[in-house]
Amino acid sequence: MKEKKAFCDAKHWRRRAEATRSKAASLDSERSRDRLIKIAEEYEKLARLAEGRQASDNEPEC
């Protein structure tokens, strides 16, 4: 069985998003917190893209 690449693994990106949100919650700086929340949102987008790749057989690298 082929090892999954991270960009094809929605769970990987969701874990990163959650970790980033947790880190953001611990920060006092509003600017830093907002930036990390935006990064978490981008990780969620990557998770949705990965789900699309997993559902499609058109992505041979997944």
C-alpha atoms as a PDB file:
ATOM      1  CA  MET A   1       0.000   0.000   0.000  1.00  0.00           C
ATOM      2  CA  LYS A   2       1.304   3.420  -0.970  1.00  0.00           C
ATOM      3  CA  GLU A   3       2.010   5.835   1.843  1.00  0.00           C
ATOM      4  CA  LYS A   4      -0.295   8.853   1.680  1.00  0.00           C
ATOM      5  CA  LYS A   5       1.284  12.148   0.899  1.00  0.00           C
ATOM      6  CA  ALA A   6       0.356  14.924   3.320  1.00  0.00           C
ATOM      7  CA  PHE A   7      -1.254  17.052   0.629  1.00  0.00           C
ATOM      8  CA  CYS A   8      -3.728  14.248  -0.040  1.00  0.00           C
ATOM      9  CA  ASP A   9      -4.545  13.606   3.610  1.00  0.00           C
ATOM     10  CA  ALA A  10      -7.491  15.709   4.843  1.00  0.00           C
ATOM     11  CA  LYS A  11      -6.987  14.503   8.419  1.00  0.00           C
ATOM     12  CA  HIS A  12      -3.419  15.828   8.371  1.00  0.00           C
ATOM     13  CA  TRP A  13      -4.611  19.326   7.422  1.00  0.00           C
ATOM     14  CA  ARG A  14      -7.460  19.257   9.947  1.00  0.00           C
ATOM     15  CA  ARG A  15      -5.024  18.310  12.719  1.00  0.00           C
ATOM     16  CA  ARG A  16      -2.787  21.206  11.712  1.00  0.00           C
ATOM     17  CA  ALA A  17      -5.759  23.567  11.651  1.00  0.00           C
ATOM     18  CA  GLU A  18      -6.819  22.481  15.140  1.00  0.00           C
ATOM     19  CA  ALA A  19      -3.289  22.809  16.523  1.00  0.00           C
ATOM     20  CA  THR A  20      -2.998  26.267  14.991  1.00  0.00           C
ATOM     21  CA  ARG A  21      -6.342  27.353  16.474  1.00  0.00           C
ATOM     22  CA  SER A  22      -5.229  26.056  19.877  1.00  0.00           C
ATOM     23  CA  LYS A  23      -2.012  28.028  19.631  1.00  0.00           C
ATOM     24  CA  ALA A  24      -3.960  31.139  18.577  1.00  0.00           C
ATOM     25  CA  ALA A  25      -6.221  30.824  21.618  1.00  0.00           C
ATOM     26  CA  SER A  26      -3.216  30.913  23.911  1.00  0.00           C
ATOM     27  CA  LEU A  27      -1.835  34.185  22.553  1.00  0.00           C
ATOM     28  CA  ASP A  28      -2.317  37.610  24.079  1.00  0.00           C
ATOM     29  CA  SER A  29      -1.523  39.512  20.907  1.00  0.00           C
ATOM     30  CA  GLU A  30      -4.680  40.086  18.872  1.00  0.00           C
ATOM     31  CA  ARG A  31      -2.649  40.568  15.704  1.00  0.00           C
ATOM     32  CA  SER A  32      -0.802  37.271  16.137  1.00  0.00           C
ATOM     33  CA  ARG A  33      -4.000  35.468  17.127  1.00  0.00           C
ATOM     34  CA  ASP A  34      -5.817  36.750  14.030  1.00  0.00           C
ATOM     35  CA  ARG A  35      -2.931  35.708  11.796  1.00  0.00           C
ATOM     36  CA  LEU A  36      -2.920  32.174  13.194  1.00  0.00           C
ATOM     37  CA  ILE A  37      -6.680  31.921  12.768  1.00  0.00           C
ATOM     38  CA  LYS A  38      -6.258  32.853   9.095  1.00  0.00           C
ATOM     39  CA  ILE A  39      -3.590  30.180   8.742  1.00  0.00           C
ATOM     40  CA  ALA A  40      -5.966  27.631  10.330  1.00  0.00           C
ATOM     41  CA  GLU A  41      -8.613  28.621   7.774  1.00  0.00           C
ATOM     42  CA  GLU A  42      -6.109  27.957   4.989  1.00  0.00           C
ATOM     43  CA  TYR A  43      -5.381  24.527   6.469  1.00  0.00           C
ATOM     44  CA  GLU A  44      -9.126  23.823   6.382  1.00  0.00           C
ATOM     45  CA  LYS A  45      -9.161  24.770   2.694  1.00  0.00           C
ATOM     46  CA  LEU A  46      -6.310  22.336   2.100  1.00  0.00           C
ATOM     47  CA  ALA A  47      -8.298  19.651   3.923  1.00  0.00           C
ATOM     48  CA  ARG A  48     -11.272  20.204   1.621  1.00  0.00           C
ATOM     49  CA  LEU A  49      -9.010  20.036  -1.424  1.00  0.00           C
ATOM     50  CA  ALA A  50      -7.469  16.815  -0.118  1.00  0.00           C
ATOM     51  CA  GLU A  51     -10.951  15.329   0.317  1.00  0.00           C
ATOM     52  CA  GLY A  52     -11.653  16.165  -3.309  1.00  0.00           C
ATOM     53  CA  ARG A  53      -8.422  14.484  -4.371  1.00  0.00           C
ATOM     54  CA  GLN A  54      -9.245  11.393  -2.323  1.00  0.00           C
ATOM     55  CA  ALA A  55     -12.699  11.165  -3.898  1.00  0.00           C
ATOM     56  CA  SER A  56     -11.269  11.501  -7.395  1.00  0.00           C
ATOM     57  CA  ASP A  57      -9.260   8.861  -9.159  1.00  0.00           C
ATOM     58  CA  ASN A  58      -7.889  11.617 -11.395  1.00  0.00           C
ATOM     59  CA  GLU A  59      -5.100  12.409  -8.918  1.00  0.00           C
ATOM     60  CA  PRO A  60      -2.539   9.621  -9.420  1.00  0.00           C
ATOM     61  CA  GLU A  61      -0.115  11.093  -6.865  1.00  0.00           C
ATOM     62  CA  CYS A  62      -2.635  10.524  -4.047  1.00  0.00           C
END
